[in-house]
Amino acid sequence: MRELIVLRHGETEANVAGIAQGRQPYPLTETGRAQAAAAGRFMERLAWRPTHVLSSPVARCVESASIVTGVLGLDSARTNEAFTEIDCGSAEGMAFRDIAFKTGFDQFGGESNEQLFARVGAGLDALPDDEIILLVTHGGIFKAILHHLLGVRGQYWLGLRCGTCMRLEKRGPRHALSHLLHPEEVE
């Protein structure tokens, strides 16, 4: 893909409570809906016009994508399983403060980070060339995208919050991060 715009879904009650959501269908809060609308307005102001809109099939992403495509006047997003949040296994629904994990959720019967990176990498590699793609997804997928497209390694978390948006542009054979914005920066 020529450009990839990635938006983390808006806030859910589980985000507020610090709960590992995994693939559970937590709906957006009013703040989450406002974050998605603000992201759409921000993209509109900067004339970011995706040619394709993809979403994780999880409800919070589908709802966020619907709000953004409505603001931008685009067709509905297509869902893509490759960009579903990491499988948290038995840790889904648990408070993050009660979970000790460094390599993913494989110790809970879910996915390891390496499995997540492989799944997301294959999904990215299958995207059409020379397109501008908006992907509405999850924090774990952000991490896997940075790993695959920029080669970021190790244990890291960029302080991603609900509503965080990034834009990667293809420059020669590689992608470069041109924007990384937190929700309060997209108003």
Protein backbone atom coordinates (compact mmCIF):
# COMPACT_ATOMS: atom_id res chain seq x y z
CA MET A 1 0.00 0.00 0.00
CA ARG A 2 1.16 3.53 -0.71
CA GLU A 3 -0.24 4.96 2.54
CA LEU A 4 -1.73 3.39 5.63
CA ILE A 5 -3.80 5.43 8.06
CA VAL A 6 -4.42 3.49 11.27
CA LEU A 7 -7.00 4.53 13.83
CA ARG A 8 -7.39 2.83 17.18
CA HIS A 9 -11.07 2.40 18.05
CA GLY A 10 -12.75 4.86 20.39
CA GLU A 11 -13.00 4.39 24.13
CA THR A 12 -15.09 1.60 25.64
CA GLU A 13 -16.14 1.00 29.25
CA ALA A 14 -13.58 -1.81 29.39
CA ASN A 15 -10.82 0.65 28.41
CA VAL A 16 -11.90 2.96 31.22
CA ALA A 17 -11.86 0.04 33.68
CA GLY A 18 -8.46 -1.26 32.46
CA ILE A 19 -9.86 -4.61 31.33
CA ALA A 20 -8.27 -6.87 28.69
CA GLN A 21 -11.00 -6.82 26.02
CA GLY A 22 -9.42 -9.07 23.44
CA ARG A 23 -12.16 -9.90 20.96
CA GLN A 24 -15.12 -9.23 23.23
CA PRO A 25 -17.80 -6.92 21.77
CA TYR A 26 -17.59 -3.98 24.16
CA PRO A 27 -19.46 -0.98 22.66
CA LEU A 28 -18.09 2.53 22.49
CA THR A 29 -18.81 5.06 25.21
CA GLU A 30 -20.03 8.56 24.30
CA THR A 31 -16.40 9.67 24.59
CA GLY A 32 -15.43 6.87 22.19
CA ARG A 33 -18.00 8.02 19.64
CA ALA A 34 -16.75 11.59 19.98
CA GLN A 35 -13.15 10.40 19.47
CA ALA A 36 -14.10 8.60 16.25
CA ALA A 37 -16.00 11.64 14.94
CA ALA A 38 -13.06 13.93 15.82
CA ALA A 39 -10.66 11.61 13.98
CA GLY A 40 -12.91 11.72 10.91
CA ARG A 41 -13.04 15.54 11.02
CA PHE A 42 -9.26 15.67 11.42
CA MET A 43 -8.74 13.43 8.38
CA GLU A 44 -11.20 15.56 6.42
CA ARG A 45 -9.33 18.79 7.33
CA LEU A 46 -6.02 17.31 6.18
CA ALA A 47 -7.63 15.86 3.02
CA TRP A 48 -6.67 12.30 3.94
CA ARG A 49 -8.85 10.47 1.41
CA PRO A 50 -8.52 6.71 1.73
CA THR A 51 -9.34 4.59 -1.31
CA HIS A 52 -10.20 1.60 0.91
CA VAL A 53 -11.51 1.42 4.49
CA LEU A 54 -10.90 -1.74 6.48
CA SER A 55 -11.91 -2.59 10.03
CA SER A 56 -11.36 -5.29 12.56
CA PRO A 57 -14.64 -7.26 12.79
CA VAL A 58 -14.86 -6.52 16.55
CA ALA A 59 -17.85 -4.27 17.42
CA ARG A 60 -15.87 -1.33 18.83
CA CYS A 61 -13.88 -1.05 15.59
CA VAL A 62 -16.89 -1.53 13.32
CA GLU A 63 -18.72 1.23 15.19
CA SER A 64 -15.69 3.56 15.07
CA ALA A 65 -15.25 2.88 11.34
CA SER A 66 -18.93 3.61 10.70
CA ILE A 67 -18.61 6.99 12.40
CA VAL A 68 -15.43 7.92 10.52
CA THR A 69 -16.74 6.84 7.10
CA GLY A 70 -19.91 8.82 7.80
CA VAL A 71 -17.90 11.97 8.51
CA LEU A 72 -15.75 11.44 5.41
CA GLY A 73 -18.67 10.48 3.17
CA LEU A 74 -17.06 7.14 2.26
CA ASP A 75 -18.51 3.70 1.65
CA SER A 76 -18.80 1.41 4.66
CA ALA A 77 -15.67 -0.34 5.87
CA ARG A 78 -14.99 -3.94 4.97
CA THR A 79 -13.96 -6.15 7.86
CA ASN A 80 -10.71 -8.10 7.75
CA GLU A 81 -9.93 -10.87 10.26
CA ALA A 82 -6.17 -10.27 9.97
CA PHE A 83 -6.61 -7.06 11.96
CA THR A 84 -8.66 -8.50 14.84
CA GLU A 85 -7.22 -7.78 18.30
CA ILE A 86 -4.83 -10.25 19.89
CA ASP A 87 -6.54 -13.33 21.29
CA CYS A 88 -6.23 -12.89 25.06
CA GLY A 89 -7.43 -16.42 25.85
CA SER A 90 -8.64 -16.80 29.42
CA ALA A 91 -7.30 -13.32 30.28
CA GLU A 92 -10.19 -11.66 28.40
CA GLY A 93 -12.26 -9.77 30.93
CA MET A 94 -9.45 -9.61 33.50
CA ALA A 95 -7.99 -6.35 34.80
CA PHE A 96 -4.59 -5.58 33.28
CA ARG A 97 -3.22 -4.94 36.77
CA ASP A 98 -3.89 -8.63 37.54
CA ILE A 99 -2.16 -9.96 34.42
CA ALA A 100 1.62 -10.40 34.16
CA PHE A 101 2.50 -10.75 30.48
CA LYS A 102 5.44 -9.77 28.35
CA THR A 103 5.28 -11.96 25.27
CA GLY A 104 1.54 -11.85 24.59
CA PHE A 105 -1.25 -14.00 25.90
CA ASP A 106 -0.04 -17.49 25.01
CA GLN A 107 0.27 -18.40 28.71
CA PHE A 108 -3.52 -17.81 28.88
CA GLY A 109 -4.26 -19.98 25.84
CA GLY A 110 -4.29 -16.96 23.50
CA GLU A 111 -1.81 -15.59 20.99
CA SER A 112 1.85 -14.79 21.55
CA ASN A 113 3.20 -11.49 20.25
CA GLU A 114 5.07 -13.42 17.54
CA GLN A 115 1.83 -15.09 16.40
CA LEU A 116 0.13 -11.69 16.34
CA PHE A 117 3.02 -10.15 14.37
CA ALA A 118 2.89 -12.99 11.80
CA ARG A 119 -0.89 -12.70 11.36
CA VAL A 120 -0.86 -8.93 10.97
CA GLY A 121 2.22 -9.01 8.73
CA ALA A 122 0.50 -11.44 6.36
CA GLY A 123 -2.58 -9.19 6.34
CA LEU A 124 -0.49 -6.11 5.53
CA ASP A 125 1.39 -7.92 2.77
CA ALA A 126 -1.94 -8.89 1.16
CA LEU A 127 -3.20 -5.28 0.93
CA PRO A 128 -3.42 -3.75 -2.57
CA ASP A 129 -0.45 -1.76 -3.87
CA ASP A 130 -0.71 1.95 -4.65
CA GLU A 131 -3.76 2.46 -2.46
CA ILE A 132 -4.46 4.69 0.51
CA ILE A 133 -5.97 2.49 3.19
CA LEU A 134 -7.70 3.50 6.40
CA LEU A 135 -7.60 0.69 8.95
CA VAL A 136 -9.71 0.95 12.11
CA THR A 137 -8.31 -1.49 14.61
CA HIS A 138 -6.84 -2.11 18.09
CA GLY A 139 -3.81 -1.17 20.17
CA GLY A 140 -2.20 -4.59 19.75
CA ILE A 141 -2.50 -4.26 15.99
CA PHE A 142 -0.76 -0.85 16.13
CA LYS A 143 2.18 -2.61 17.78
CA ALA A 144 2.24 -5.34 15.12
CA ILE A 145 2.04 -2.79 12.27
CA LEU A 146 4.99 -0.83 13.68
CA HIS A 147 6.88 -4.10 14.04
CA HIS A 148 6.17 -5.18 10.45
CA LEU A 149 6.43 -1.92 8.52
CA LEU A 150 9.06 -0.05 10.54
CA GLY A 151 11.02 -2.88 12.12
CA VAL A 152 10.33 -1.69 15.68
CA ARG A 153 11.42 -4.50 18.00
CA GLY A 154 11.36 -5.35 21.68
CA GLN A 155 8.92 -4.70 24.48
CA TYR A 156 7.39 -1.31 23.90
CA TRP A 157 4.08 0.44 24.06
CA LEU A 158 3.75 3.95 22.71
CA GLY A 159 1.24 5.07 25.29
CA LEU A 160 -1.47 4.43 22.72
CA ARG A 161 -4.84 5.57 23.89
CA CYS A 162 -8.25 5.07 22.37
CA GLY A 163 -8.59 7.33 19.37
CA THR A 164 -4.86 7.39 18.59
CA CYS A 165 -4.20 7.77 14.87
CA MET A 166 -1.05 7.22 12.80
CA ARG A 167 -0.18 7.63 9.15
CA LEU A 168 2.55 5.68 7.39
CA GLU A 169 3.71 6.61 3.90
CA LYS A 170 5.65 4.41 1.52
CA ARG A 171 9.02 5.94 0.70
CA GLY A 172 10.89 3.73 -1.70
CA PRO A 173 10.90 0.15 -0.47
CA ARG A 174 10.04 1.14 3.13
CA HIS A 175 7.31 2.94 5.04
CA ALA A 176 7.90 6.00 7.19
CA LEU A 177 5.77 7.21 10.08
CA SER A 178 4.56 10.69 9.13
CA HIS A 179 1.98 11.24 11.91
CA LEU A 180 1.30 9.78 15.35
CA LEU A 181 -1.51 11.64 17.05
CA HIS A 182 -3.30 11.13 20.33
CA PRO A 183 -7.04 11.89 20.62
CA GLU A 184 -6.63 15.40 22.03
CA GLU A 185 -4.36 16.27 19.07
CA VAL A 186 -6.96 15.52 16.39
CA GLU A 187 -9.59 18.05 17.48
